[in-house]
C-alpha atoms as a PDB file:
ATOM      1  CA  MET A   1       0.000   0.000   0.000  1.00  0.00           C
ATOM      2  CA  GLY A   2       2.908   2.349   0.707  1.00  0.00           C
ATOM      3  CA  ILE A   3       4.257   2.133  -2.832  1.00  0.00           C
ATOM      4  CA  ILE A   4       0.771   2.478  -4.332  1.00  0.00           C
ATOM      5  CA  SER A   5       0.012   5.578  -2.244  1.00  0.00           C
ATOM      6  CA  ASN A   6       3.399   7.061  -3.220  1.00  0.00           C
ATOM      7  CA  ILE A   7       2.698   6.489  -6.901  1.00  0.00           C
ATOM      8  CA  CYS A   8      -0.794   7.989  -6.585  1.00  0.00           C
ATOM      9  CA  SER A   9       0.522  11.103  -4.808  1.00  0.00           C
ATOM     10  CA  VAL A  10       3.268  11.551  -7.417  1.00  0.00           C
ATOM     11  CA  ILE A  11       0.737  11.217 -10.245  1.00  0.00           C
ATOM     12  CA  PHE A  12      -1.547  13.744  -8.549  1.00  0.00           C
ATOM     13  CA  TRP A  13       1.053  16.431  -7.778  1.00  0.00           C
ATOM     14  CA  ASN A  14       3.356  15.955 -10.774  1.00  0.00           C
ATOM     15  CA  LEU A  15       1.028  14.909 -13.606  1.00  0.00           C
ATOM     16  CA  ILE A  16      -2.587  15.828 -12.818  1.00  0.00           C
ATOM     17  CA  ILE A  17      -1.991  19.209 -11.152  1.00  0.00           C
ATOM     18  CA  PRO A  18       0.392  20.491 -13.890  1.00  0.00           C
ATOM     19  CA  THR A  19      -2.022  19.284 -16.585  1.00  0.00           C
ATOM     20  CA  PHE A  20      -4.953  21.083 -14.932  1.00  0.00           C
ATOM     21  CA  ILE A  21      -2.869  24.261 -14.681  1.00  0.00           C
ATOM     22  CA  GLY A  22      -1.881  23.813 -18.326  1.00  0.00           C
ATOM     23  CA  PHE A  23      -5.562  23.686 -19.296  1.00  0.00           C
ATOM     24  CA  LEU A  24      -6.065  26.940 -17.393  1.00  0.00           C
ATOM     25  CA  VAL A  25      -3.305  28.621 -19.399  1.00  0.00           C
ATOM     26  CA  THR A  26      -4.413  27.266 -22.792  1.00  0.00           C
ATOM     27  CA  HIS A  27      -7.980  28.412 -22.059  1.00  0.00           C
ATOM     28  CA  PHE A  28      -6.791  31.788 -23.379  1.00  0.00           C
ATOM     29  CA  TRP A  29      -4.967  30.340 -26.401  1.00  0.00           C
ATOM     30  CA  LYS A  30      -6.821  30.541 -29.714  1.00  0.00           C
ATOM     31  CA  LYS A  31      -5.602  27.224 -31.048  1.00  0.00           C
ATOM     32  CA  GLU A  32      -7.578  24.422 -32.710  1.00  0.00           C
ATOM     33  CA  ASP A  33      -5.931  21.464 -30.965  1.00  0.00           C
ATOM     34  CA  LYS A  34      -5.350  23.123 -27.581  1.00  0.00           C
ATOM     35  CA  ASP A  35      -7.165  20.248 -25.834  1.00  0.00           C
ATOM     36  CA  ASN A  36      -4.141  18.038 -26.478  1.00  0.00           C
ATOM     37  CA  ILE A  37      -3.166  16.524 -23.116  1.00  0.00           C
ATOM     38  CA  VAL A  38       0.564  16.491 -23.965  1.00  0.00           C
ATOM     39  CA  LEU A  39       0.526  20.211 -24.779  1.00  0.00           C
ATOM     40  CA  ASN A  40      -1.289  21.044 -21.557  1.00  0.00           C
ATOM     41  CA  PHE A  41       1.015  18.915 -19.406  1.00  0.00           C
ATOM     42  CA  ALA A  42       4.144  20.554 -20.869  1.00  0.00           C
ATOM     43  CA  ILE A  43       2.772  24.084 -20.471  1.00  0.00           C
ATOM     44  CA  GLY A  44       1.481  23.249 -16.999  1.00  0.00           C
ATOM     45  CA  LEU A  45       4.804  21.926 -15.713  1.00  0.00           C
ATOM     46  CA  ILE A  46       6.620  24.966 -17.104  1.00  0.00           C
ATOM     47  CA  THR A  47       4.034  27.211 -15.428  1.00  0.00           C
ATOM     48  CA  VAL A  48       4.523  25.395 -12.112  1.00  0.00           C
ATOM     49  CA  LEU A  49       8.304  25.920 -12.295  1.00  0.00           C
ATOM     50  CA  GLY A  50       7.978  29.483 -13.584  1.00  0.00           C
ATOM     51  CA  ILE A  51       5.668  30.522 -10.739  1.00  0.00           C
ATOM     52  CA  PHE A  52       7.785  28.678  -8.176  1.00  0.00           C
ATOM     53  CA  GLN A  53      10.905  30.738  -8.944  1.00  0.00           C
ATOM     54  CA  PRO A  54       9.896  34.262  -7.761  1.00  0.00           C
ATOM     55  CA  ILE A  55       7.941  32.924  -4.767  1.00  0.00           C
ATOM     56  CA  THR A  56      10.902  30.822  -3.605  1.00  0.00           C
ATOM     57  CA  LEU A  57      13.427  33.633  -4.044  1.00  0.00           C
ATOM     58  CA  SER A  58      11.139  35.941  -2.055  1.00  0.00           C
ATOM     59  CA  ALA A  59      10.814  33.302   0.677  1.00  0.00           C
ATOM     60  CA  ILE A  60      14.601  32.918   0.853  1.00  0.00           C
ATOM     61  CA  TYR A  61      15.087  36.690   1.111  1.00  0.00           C
ATOM     62  CA  LEU A  62      12.390  37.003   3.797  1.00  0.00           C
ATOM     63  CA  LYS A  63      13.818  33.956   5.632  1.00  0.00           C
ATOM     64  CA  LEU A  64      10.454  32.203   5.713  1.00  0.00           C
ATOM     65  CA  SER A  65      10.213  28.653   6.983  1.00  0.00           C
ATOM     66  CA  PHE A  66      10.171  25.788   4.514  1.00  0.00           C
ATOM     67  CA  THR A  67       6.799  24.616   5.854  1.00  0.00           C
ATOM     68  CA  LEU A  68       5.228  28.001   5.094  1.00  0.00           C
ATOM     69  CA  LEU A  69       6.627  27.969   1.546  1.00  0.00           C
ATOM     70  CA  ALA A  70       5.352  24.422   0.962  1.00  0.00           C
ATOM     71  CA  ASN A  71       1.885  25.373   2.209  1.00  0.00           C
ATOM     72  CA  ILE A  72       1.803  28.502   0.032  1.00  0.00           C
ATOM     73  CA  MET A  73       2.663  26.493  -3.073  1.00  0.00           C
ATOM     74  CA  LYS A  74       0.212  23.740  -2.138  1.00  0.00           C
ATOM     75  CA  ILE A  75      -2.684  26.190  -1.764  1.00  0.00           C
ATOM     76  CA  LEU A  76      -1.738  28.110  -4.919  1.00  0.00           C
ATOM     77  CA  TRP A  77      -1.461  25.015  -7.120  1.00  0.00           C
ATOM     78  CA  LEU A  78      -4.719  23.577  -5.772  1.00  0.00           C
ATOM     79  CA  LEU A  79      -6.564  26.871  -6.330  1.00  0.00           C
ATOM     80  CA  LEU A  80      -5.306  27.165  -9.908  1.00  0.00           C
ATOM     81  CA  SER A  81      -6.290  23.550 -10.570  1.00  0.00           C
ATOM     82  CA  LEU A  82      -9.754  24.075  -9.080  1.00  0.00           C
ATOM     83  CA  VAL A  83     -10.342  27.169 -11.226  1.00  0.00           C
ATOM     84  CA  SER A  84      -9.194  25.220 -14.274  1.00  0.00           C
ATOM     85  CA  LEU A  85     -11.553  22.350 -13.452  1.00  0.00           C
ATOM     86  CA  VAL A  86     -14.516  24.725 -13.123  1.00  0.00           C
ATOM     87  CA  ILE A  87     -13.986  26.616 -16.379  1.00  0.00           C
ATOM     88  CA  ASN A  88     -12.572  23.778 -18.509  1.00  0.00           C
ATOM     89  CA  TRP A  89     -14.682  20.729 -17.609  1.00  0.00           C
ATOM     90  CA  LYS A  90     -16.042  20.488 -21.163  1.00  0.00           C
ATOM     91  CA  ARG A  91     -12.507  20.557 -22.530  1.00  0.00           C
ATOM     92  CA  PHE A  92     -11.505  17.712 -20.200  1.00  0.00           C
ATOM     93  CA  ILE A  93     -14.306  15.599 -21.677  1.00  0.00           C
ATOM     94  CA  ASN A  94     -13.168  16.512 -25.193  1.00  0.00           C
ATOM     95  CA  CYS A  95      -9.582  15.627 -24.272  1.00  0.00           C
ATOM     96  CA  PHE A  96     -10.686  12.202 -23.031  1.00  0.00           C
ATOM     97  CA  ARG A  97     -12.505  11.558 -26.310  1.00  0.00           C
ATOM     98  CA  LYS A  98      -9.381  12.510 -28.260  1.00  0.00           C
ATOM     99  CA  LEU A  99      -7.334  10.055 -26.215  1.00  0.00           C
ATOM    100  CA  LEU A 100      -9.732   7.274 -27.160  1.00  0.00           C
ATOM    101  CA  SER A 101      -9.473   8.204 -30.852  1.00  0.00           C
ATOM    102  CA  ILE A 102      -5.663   8.061 -30.681  1.00  0.00           C
ATOM    103  CA  PHE A 103      -5.765   4.377 -29.754  1.00  0.00           C
ATOM    104  CA  LYS A 104      -7.843   3.699 -32.858  1.00  0.00           C
ATOM    105  CA  SER A 105      -5.060   5.077 -35.109  1.00  0.00           C
ATOM    106  CA  PHE A 106      -2.307   3.159 -33.283  1.00  0.00           C
ATOM    107  CA  HIS A 107       0.495   1.820 -35.548  1.00  0.00           C
ATOM    108  CA  ILE A 108       3.871   0.120 -35.300  1.00  0.00           C
ATOM    109  CA  PHE A 109       6.076   3.224 -34.909  1.00  0.00           C
ATOM    110  CA  THR A 110       3.895   4.531 -32.088  1.00  0.00           C
ATOM    111  CA  ALA A 111       4.336   1.193 -30.315  1.00  0.00           C
ATOM    112  CA  LEU A 112       8.112   1.326 -30.837  1.00  0.00           C
ATOM    113  CA  VAL A 113       8.306   4.859 -29.445  1.00  0.00           C
ATOM    114  CA  LEU A 114       6.358   3.874 -26.333  1.00  0.00           C
ATOM    115  CA  LEU A 115       8.570   0.804 -25.928  1.00  0.00           C
ATOM    116  CA  LEU A 116      11.766   2.880 -26.105  1.00  0.00           C
ATOM    117  CA  ILE A 117      10.436   5.440 -23.618  1.00  0.00           C
ATOM    118  CA  ILE A 118       9.384   2.660 -21.229  1.00  0.00           C
ATOM    119  CA  LEU A 119      12.865   1.138 -21.612  1.00  0.00           C
ATOM    120  CA  GLN A 120      14.476   4.436 -20.623  1.00  0.00           C
ATOM    121  CA  ILE A 121      12.120   4.777 -17.657  1.00  0.00           C
ATOM    122  CA  PHE A 122      12.941   1.205 -16.615  1.00  0.00           C
ATOM    123  CA  ALA A 123      16.664   2.031 -16.626  1.00  0.00           C
ATOM    124  CA  TYR A 124      16.038   4.870 -14.155  1.00  0.00           C
ATOM    125  CA  VAL A 125      13.824   2.679 -11.953  1.00  0.00           C
ATOM    126  CA  GLU A 126      16.032  -0.431 -11.957  1.00  0.00           C
ATOM    127  CA  TYR A 127      19.514   1.130 -11.905  1.00  0.00           C
ATOM    128  CA  GLU A 128      21.162   4.031 -10.125  1.00  0.00           C
ATOM    129  CA  HIS A 129      23.634   6.636 -11.334  1.00  0.00           C
ATOM    130  CA  ILE A 130      25.936   7.943  -8.610  1.00  0.00           C
ATOM    131  CA  ASP A 131      26.754  11.604  -9.139  1.00  0.00           C
ATOM    132  CA  ASP A 132      28.922  13.847  -6.976  1.00  0.00           C
ATOM    133  CA  ASP A 133      26.687  16.874  -7.644  1.00  0.00           C
ATOM    134  CA  ASP A 134      23.976  15.231  -5.544  1.00  0.00           C
ATOM    135  CA  SER A 135      26.113  15.858  -2.472  1.00  0.00           C
ATOM    136  CA  PHE A 136      24.890  19.442  -2.747  1.00  0.00           C
ATOM    137  CA  PHE A 137      21.627  19.481  -4.719  1.00  0.00           C
ATOM    138  CA  VAL A 138      19.812  16.518  -3.167  1.00  0.00           C
ATOM    139  CA  ALA A 139      21.452  17.104   0.209  1.00  0.00           C
ATOM    140  CA  THR A 140      20.143  20.679   0.150  1.00  0.00           C
ATOM    141  CA  ALA A 141      16.612  19.310  -0.259  1.00  0.00           C
ATOM    142  CA  THR A 142      16.967  16.933   2.696  1.00  0.00           C
ATOM    143  CA  THR A 143      18.625  19.636   4.829  1.00  0.00           C
ATOM    144  CA  THR A 144      15.799  22.033   3.974  1.00  0.00           C
ATOM    145  CA  ILE A 145      13.151  19.548   5.113  1.00  0.00           C
ATOM    146  CA  VAL A 146      14.934  18.475   8.305  1.00  0.00           C
ATOM    147  CA  ASN A 147      15.782  22.014   9.478  1.00  0.00           C
ATOM    148  CA  ASP A 148      12.603  23.667   8.117  1.00  0.00           C
ATOM    149  CA  ASN A 149      14.490  26.608   6.640  1.00  0.00           C
ATOM    150  CA  LEU A 150      15.771  27.825   3.281  1.00  0.00           C
ATOM    151  CA  TYR A 151      19.529  28.002   2.642  1.00  0.00           C
ATOM    152  CA  ILE A 152      20.321  28.635   6.312  1.00  0.00           C
ATOM    153  CA  ARG A 153      22.506  25.568   6.935  1.00  0.00           C
ATOM    154  CA  SER A 154      25.164  23.959   4.760  1.00  0.00           C
ATOM    155  CA  PRO A 155      24.172  20.526   3.382  1.00  0.00           C
ATOM    156  CA  PHE A 156      27.807  19.424   3.756  1.00  0.00           C
ATOM    157  CA  SER A 157      28.289  20.107   7.468  1.00  0.00           C
ATOM    158  CA  GLY A 158      24.932  21.237   8.847  1.00  0.00           C
ATOM    159  CA  VAL A 159      26.458  24.425  10.274  1.00  0.00           C
ATOM    160  CA  LEU A 160      25.012  27.862   9.607  1.00  0.00           C
ATOM    161  CA  TYR A 161      26.058  29.532   6.370  1.00  0.00           C
ATOM    162  CA  GLY A 162      28.460  32.422   6.890  1.00  0.00           C
ATOM    163  CA  LYS A 163      27.081  33.887   3.673  1.00  0.00           C
ATOM    164  CA  LEU A 164      24.550  32.661   1.143  1.00  0.00           C
ATOM    165  CA  PRO A 165      25.804  30.226  -1.541  1.00  0.00           C
ATOM    166  CA  THR A 166      25.635  32.779  -4.358  1.00  0.00           C
ATOM    167  CA  ARG A 167      26.475  30.199  -7.020  1.00  0.00           C
ATOM    168  CA  TYR A 168      23.270  28.241  -6.362  1.00  0.00           C
ATOM    169  CA  ILE A 169      20.795  30.460  -4.574  1.00  0.00           C
ATOM    170  CA  MET A 170      19.408  32.156  -7.699  1.00  0.00           C
ATOM    171  CA  SER A 171      18.395  28.745  -9.067  1.00  0.00           C
ATOM    172  CA  PRO A 172      16.810  26.992  -6.061  1.00  0.00           C
ATOM    173  CA  PHE A 173      15.706  23.816  -7.875  1.00  0.00           C
ATOM    174  CA  SER A 174      16.653  21.852  -4.750  1.00  0.00           C
ATOM    175  CA  ILE A 175      13.819  23.608  -2.909  1.00  0.00           C
ATOM    176  CA  PHE A 176      11.433  22.303  -5.574  1.00  0.00           C
ATOM    177  CA  TYR A 177      12.674  18.786  -4.754  1.00  0.00           C
ATOM    178  CA  ALA A 178      11.945  19.457  -1.093  1.00  0.00           C
ATOM    179  CA  VAL A 179       8.454  20.888  -1.653  1.00  0.00           C
ATOM    180  CA  MET A 180       7.425  18.002  -3.890  1.00  0.00           C
ATOM    181  CA  ALA A 181       8.874  15.507  -1.417  1.00  0.00           C
ATOM    182  CA  ARG A 182       6.839  17.131   1.365  1.00  0.00           C
ATOM    183  CA  LEU A 183       3.616  17.154  -0.696  1.00  0.00           C
ATOM    184  CA  THR A 184       3.989  13.542  -1.824  1.00  0.00           C
ATOM    185  CA  GLY A 185       5.188  12.257   1.542  1.00  0.00           C
ATOM    186  CA  ILE A 186       8.246  10.618  -0.027  1.00  0.00           C
ATOM    187  CA  HIS A 187      11.840  11.031   1.155  1.00  0.00           C
ATOM    188  CA  ALA A 188      13.544  13.729  -0.925  1.00  0.00           C
ATOM    189  CA  THR A 189      16.336  11.432  -2.131  1.00  0.00           C
ATOM    190  CA  ILE A 190      13.916   8.718  -3.258  1.00  0.00           C
ATOM    191  CA  PHE A 191      11.591  11.233  -4.886  1.00  0.00           C
ATOM    192  CA  THR A 192      14.423  12.940  -6.758  1.00  0.00           C
ATOM    193  CA  HIS A 193      16.215   9.826  -8.010  1.00  0.00           C
ATOM    194  CA  LEU A 194      13.157   7.706  -8.782  1.00  0.00           C
ATOM    195  CA  TYR A 195       9.890   9.567  -9.285  1.00  0.00           C
ATOM    196  CA  LEU A 196      11.082  12.979 -10.495  1.00  0.00           C
ATOM    197  CA  THR A 197      13.257  11.344 -13.159  1.00  0.00           C
ATOM    198  CA  ILE A 198      10.188   9.675 -14.685  1.00  0.00           C
ATOM    199  CA  ILE A 199       8.182  12.921 -14.664  1.00  0.00           C
ATOM    200  CA  LEU A 200      10.991  14.919 -16.280  1.00  0.00           C
ATOM    201  CA  LEU A 201      11.642  12.214 -18.880  1.00  0.00           C
ATOM    202  CA  ILE A 202       7.949  12.327 -19.817  1.00  0.00           C
ATOM    203  CA  PHE A 203       8.207  16.125 -20.062  1.00  0.00           C
ATOM    204  CA  VAL A 204      11.212  15.924 -22.393  1.00  0.00           C
ATOM    205  CA  TYR A 205       9.436  13.556 -24.765  1.00  0.00           C
ATOM    206  CA  ALA A 206       6.327  15.738 -24.532  1.00  0.00           C
ATOM    207  CA  VAL A 207       8.444  18.618 -25.867  1.00  0.00           C
ATOM    208  CA  TYR A 208       9.784  16.405 -28.675  1.00  0.00           C
ATOM    209  CA  TYR A 209       6.180  15.427 -29.434  1.00  0.00           C
ATOM    210  CA  LEU A 210       5.157  19.095 -29.688  1.00  0.00           C
ATOM    211  CA  TRP A 211       8.037  19.805 -32.058  1.00  0.00           C
ATOM    212  CA  GLY A 212       7.100  16.807 -34.191  1.00  0.00           C
ATOM    213  CA  LYS A 213       3.459  17.870 -34.276  1.00  0.00           C
ATOM    214  CA  ALA A 214       4.494  21.374 -35.345  1.00  0.00           C
ATOM    215  CA  LEU A 215       6.762  20.102 -38.130  1.00  0.00           C
ATOM    216  CA  PHE A 216       4.784  17.159 -39.545  1.00  0.00           C
ATOM    217  CA  ASP A 217       1.201  16.888 -40.725  1.00  0.00           C
ATOM    218  CA  ASN A 218       0.399  13.223 -40.130  1.00  0.00           C
ATOM    219  CA  SER A 219       0.698  10.912 -37.132  1.00  0.00           C
ATOM    220  CA  ARG A 220       2.937   8.409 -38.936  1.00  0.00           C
ATOM    221  CA  SER A 221       5.617  11.024 -39.653  1.00  0.00           C
ATOM    222  CA  LEU A 222       5.332  12.227 -36.059  1.00  0.00           C
ATOM    223  CA  SER A 223       5.855   8.695 -34.725  1.00  0.00           C
ATOM    224  CA  ILE A 224       8.881   8.143 -36.984  1.00  0.00           C
ATOM    225  CA  PHE A 225      10.334  11.459 -35.789  1.00  0.00           C
ATOM    226  CA  LEU A 226       9.898  10.457 -32.132  1.00  0.00           C
ATOM    227  CA  PHE A 227      11.339   7.009 -32.840  1.00  0.00           C
ATOM    228  CA  LEU A 228      14.485   8.540 -34.349  1.00  0.00           C
ATOM    229  CA  ILE A 229      14.820  10.962 -31.424  1.00  0.00           C
ATOM    230  CA  ALA A 230      14.493   8.108 -28.918  1.00  0.00           C
ATOM    231  CA  MET A 231      17.115   6.060 -30.783  1.00  0.00           C
ATOM    232  CA  LEU A 232      19.513   9.011 -30.917  1.00  0.00           C
ATOM    233  CA  ASN A 233      19.084   9.470 -27.178  1.00  0.00           C
ATOM    234  CA  LEU A 234      19.852   5.799 -26.519  1.00  0.00           C
ATOM    235  CA  PHE A 235      23.078   5.931 -28.543  1.00  0.00           C
ATOM    236  CA  GLY A 236      24.127   9.469 -27.597  1.00  0.00           C
ATOM    237  CA  ASN A 237      26.448   8.548 -24.744  1.00  0.00           C
ATOM    238  CA  TYR A 238      29.646   9.019 -26.761  1.00  0.00           C
ATOM    239  CA  SER A 239      30.685  11.594 -24.145  1.00  0.00           C
ATOM    240  CA  GLU A 240      29.595  12.214 -20.569  1.00  0.00           C
ATOM    241  CA  PHE A 241      28.837  15.826 -21.513  1.00  0.00           C
ATOM    242  CA  THR A 242      26.264  15.247 -24.271  1.00  0.00           C
ATOM    243  CA  THR A 243      22.617  16.204 -23.824  1.00  0.00           C
ATOM    244  CA  GLN A 244      21.721  12.524 -24.213  1.00  0.00           C
ATOM    245  CA  SER A 245      24.053  11.525 -21.365  1.00  0.00           C
ATOM    246  CA  PHE A 246      22.525  14.107 -19.067  1.00  0.00           C
ATOM    247  CA  LEU A 247      19.036  13.029 -20.173  1.00  0.00           C
ATOM    248  CA  LEU A 248      19.478   9.316 -19.496  1.00  0.00           C
ATOM    249  CA  LEU A 249      21.849   9.426 -16.514  1.00  0.00           C
ATOM    250  CA  ARG A 250      20.892  12.432 -14.355  1.00  0.00           C
ATOM    251  CA  ILE A 251      17.781  14.139 -15.685  1.00  0.00           C
ATOM    252  CA  TRP A 252      16.800  15.219 -12.136  1.00  0.00           C
ATOM    253  CA  GLN A 253      19.602  17.803 -12.123  1.00  0.00           C
ATOM    254  CA  GLY A 254      18.700  21.296 -13.254  1.00  0.00           C
ATOM    255  CA  LYS A 255      21.308  21.599 -15.992  1.00  0.00           C
ATOM    256  CA  ALA A 256      20.105  18.313 -17.503  1.00  0.00           C
ATOM    257  CA  ILE A 257      16.418  19.229 -17.730  1.00  0.00           C
ATOM    258  CA  LEU A 258      17.437  22.701 -18.932  1.00  0.00           C
ATOM    259  CA  ALA A 259      19.381  21.324 -21.901  1.00  0.00           C
ATOM    260  CA  ALA A 260      17.096  18.406 -22.716  1.00  0.00           C
ATOM    261  CA  GLY A 261      13.680  19.944 -22.128  1.00  0.00           C
ATOM    262  CA  ILE A 262      13.322  23.599 -21.199  1.00  0.00           C
ATOM    263  CA  ILE A 263      15.539  25.184 -23.880  1.00  0.00           C
ATOM    264  CA  PRO A 264      13.844  23.104 -26.649  1.00  0.00           C
ATOM    265  CA  PHE A 265      10.471  24.145 -25.196  1.00  0.00           C
ATOM    266  CA  ILE A 266      11.490  27.822 -25.255  1.00  0.00           C
ATOM    267  CA  LEU A 267      12.484  27.471 -28.915  1.00  0.00           C
ATOM    268  CA  TYR A 268       9.162  25.707 -29.593  1.00  0.00           C
ATOM    269  CA  LEU A 269       7.284  28.677 -28.113  1.00  0.00           C
ATOM    270  CA  CYS A 270       9.306  31.086 -30.258  1.00  0.00           C
ATOM    271  CA  TYR A 271       8.378  28.995 -33.291  1.00  0.00           C
ATOM    272  CA  CYS A 272       4.692  29.112 -32.288  1.00  0.00           C
ATOM    273  CA  ILE A 273       4.879  32.896 -31.920  1.00  0.00           C
ATOM    274  CA  TYR A 274       6.421  33.081 -35.390  1.00  0.00           C
ATOM    275  CA  LYS A 275       3.709  30.842 -36.891  1.00  0.00           C
ATOM    276  CA  GLU A 276       0.653  32.109 -34.992  1.00  0.00           C
ATOM    277  CA  ASP A 277       1.159  35.876 -35.047  1.00  0.00           C
ATOM    278  CA  SER A 278       2.143  36.346 -31.411  1.00  0.00           C
ATOM    279  CA  GLN A 279      -0.923  35.793 -29.248  1.00  0.00           C
ATOM    280  CA  VAL A 280      -0.593  37.410 -25.829  1.00  0.00           C
ATOM    281  CA  ILE A 281      -0.844  34.089 -23.994  1.00  0.00           C
ATOM    282  CA  LEU A 282       2.188  32.772 -25.898  1.00  0.00           C
ATOM    283  CA  TRP A 283       4.272  35.683 -24.659  1.00  0.00           C
ATOM    284  CA  CYS A 284       3.082  34.942 -21.103  1.00  0.00           C
ATOM    285  CA  VAL A 285       4.110  31.289 -21.390  1.00  0.00           C
ATOM    286  CA  LEU A 286       7.484  32.330 -22.841  1.00  0.00           C
ATOM    287  CA  PHE A 287       7.942  34.669 -19.863  1.00  0.00           C
ATOM    288  CA  LEU A 288       7.194  31.786 -17.479  1.00  0.00           C
ATOM    289  CA  SER A 289       9.550  29.531 -19.444  1.00  0.00           C
ATOM    290  CA  THR A 290      12.525  31.849 -18.976  1.00  0.00           C
ATOM    291  CA  SER A 291      11.607  32.043 -15.296  1.00  0.00           C
ATOM    292  CA  ALA A 292      11.580  28.223 -15.179  1.00  0.00           C
ATOM    293  CA  ALA A 293      14.958  28.124 -16.951  1.00  0.00           C
ATOM    294  CA  SER A 294      16.496  30.456 -14.372  1.00  0.00           C
ATOM    295  CA  HIS A 295      14.945  28.343 -11.612  1.00  0.00           C
ATOM    296  CA  VAL A 296      16.397  24.962 -12.555  1.00  0.00           C
ATOM    297  CA  SER A 297      19.977  26.051 -13.269  1.00  0.00           C
ATOM    298  CA  SER A 298      22.180  29.124 -13.086  1.00  0.00           C
ATOM    299  CA  MET A 299      23.169  28.356 -16.687  1.00  0.00           C
ATOM    300  CA  GLY A 300      19.546  28.992 -17.632  1.00  0.00           C
ATOM    301  CA  ILE A 301      19.971  32.600 -16.511  1.00  0.00           C
ATOM    302  CA  PHE A 302      22.048  33.293 -19.620  1.00  0.00           C
ATOM    303  CA  LEU A 303      21.225  30.376 -21.949  1.00  0.00           C
ATOM    304  CA  ALA A 304      17.486  31.134 -22.036  1.00  0.00           C
ATOM    305  CA  PRO A 305      17.986  34.809 -23.070  1.00  0.00           C
ATOM    306  CA  VAL A 306      20.578  33.711 -25.648  1.00  0.00           C
ATOM    307  CA  SER A 307      18.085  31.248 -27.156  1.00  0.00           C
ATOM    308  CA  VAL A 308      15.281  33.817 -27.204  1.00  0.00           C
ATOM    309  CA  GLY A 309      17.663  36.523 -28.418  1.00  0.00           C
ATOM    310  CA  CYS A 310      18.780  34.469 -31.427  1.00  0.00           C
ATOM    311  CA  PHE A 311      15.167  33.920 -32.435  1.00  0.00           C
ATOM    312  CA  ALA A 312      14.384  37.606 -31.829  1.00  0.00           C
ATOM    313  CA  ALA A 313      17.269  38.667 -34.083  1.00  0.00           C
ATOM    314  CA  VAL A 314      15.984  36.454 -36.897  1.00  0.00           C
ATOM    315  CA  GLU A 315      12.459  37.816 -36.378  1.00  0.00           C
ATOM    316  CA  LEU A 316      13.737  41.399 -36.505  1.00  0.00           C
ATOM    317  CA  ILE A 317      15.558  40.761 -39.778  1.00  0.00           C
ATOM    318  CA  ARG A 318      12.504  39.022 -41.238  1.00  0.00           C
ATOM    319  CA  THR A 319       9.705  41.367 -40.118  1.00  0.00           C
ATOM    320  CA  ARG A 320      11.443  44.650 -39.187  1.00  0.00           C
ATOM    321  CA  LYS A 321       8.987  44.889 -36.278  1.00  0.00           C
ATOM    322  CA  TRP A 322      10.691  46.401 -33.246  1.00  0.00           C
ATOM    323  CA  LYS A 323       7.662  45.800 -31.016  1.00  0.00           C
ATOM    324  CA  ARG A 324       8.046  42.043 -31.380  1.00  0.00           C
ATOM    325  CA  THR A 325      11.747  42.315 -30.573  1.00  0.00           C
ATOM    326  CA  LEU A 326      10.956  44.322 -27.444  1.00  0.00           C
ATOM    327  CA  ALA A 327       8.381  41.678 -26.468  1.00  0.00           C
ATOM    328  CA  TYR A 328      11.047  38.984 -26.794  1.00  0.00           C
ATOM    329  CA  LEU A 329      13.392  41.037 -24.619  1.00  0.00           C
ATOM    330  CA  PHE A 330      10.664  41.563 -22.013  1.00  0.00           C
ATOM    331  CA  CYS A 331      10.159  37.794 -21.809  1.00  0.00           C
ATOM    332  CA  CYS A 332      13.814  37.509 -20.756  1.00  0.00           C
ATOM    333  CA  LEU A 333      13.192  39.793 -17.762  1.00  0.00           C
ATOM    334  CA  PRO A 334      13.209  36.967 -15.139  1.00  0.00           C
ATOM    335  CA  CYS A 335      16.695  35.942 -16.248  1.00  0.00           C
ATOM    336  CA  VAL A 336      17.905  39.544 -16.369  1.00  0.00           C
ATOM    337  CA  VAL A 337      16.635  40.211 -12.838  1.00  0.00           C
ATOM    338  CA  CYS A 338      18.270  37.029 -11.524  1.00  0.00           C
ATOM    339  CA  GLY A 339      21.518  37.926 -13.273  1.00  0.00           C
ATOM    340  CA  VAL A 340      21.571  41.436 -11.788  1.00  0.00           C
ATOM    341  CA  ILE A 341      20.801  40.127  -8.288  1.00  0.00           C
ATOM    342  CA  TYR A 342      23.574  37.543  -8.664  1.00  0.00           C
ATOM    343  CA  LEU A 343      26.090  40.259  -9.568  1.00  0.00           C
ATOM    344  CA  ILE A 344      24.996  42.358  -6.589  1.00  0.00           C
ATOM    345  CA  ILE A 345      25.171  39.603  -3.962  1.00  0.00           C
ATOM    346  CA  SER A 346      28.462  38.184  -5.231  1.00  0.00           C
END
């Protein structure tokens, strides 16, 4: 019963809640296939991370207790999900019908893709990758829970910090581990190494799915695209520094999910803005995405603006519209603010 309850709580807080929040966001998106459950899960998880960043940084600055932060996030996520359920119940029914229709058009490449993804999930569940970085990131989560504070004590020694760890504090992804561990009732180390890896792997392939759906017209081409991506990931460990190595060995770390999932999702949003004439909601999601990028890793503080900036430069050359360029720059504001604060405190 313990394992079953753990799985149910993980599904609720890491799959259902983000998907409900995603439906709330896409409610304002004028898009024909916005009831797609994969799209809503990806947008919802990004929204969860994007909202978590400013609230957590504020809590750290105000020296709030970890319990208070966890309760704030719990109430906020539940309220957003409840609002989504009230205003989108018809869309949930439509989404369920679409899921049933997908099974009717099931073919061999779809089965192969699912098999490869399940194989990668099995590797995370059955085996364990030992990584020295966990001595800080995962240990920070456990220290946070045990001491009920935020970046007050060192995870290495347990003594009080003389000064804040400026290298990590602007990207407090470890606090997200701790909050999710508290909400699910699972030990932070087990949650991070076992359950979170599965959720993030699903998110990464959800992003690949969205790219495939944007580039190809039929489901067969989409399945072949995903099959090739999955195969490339399986055979991408020719160096320990490749995106594929980070994806399949330590996806729970911020830099891994940044490279494998969040940066591709940011580029996907830029592509959608280019194709769909910049709806306001897309700019909002892009803003949240750069916030999520800065949350998971300090590298996201500059890599996300670089990614958006490259797309903005191309857009400026193509359209000569300065307003769109300024909108792109505004979406990088979370990263700019984090970068400025980092320079000040260090």
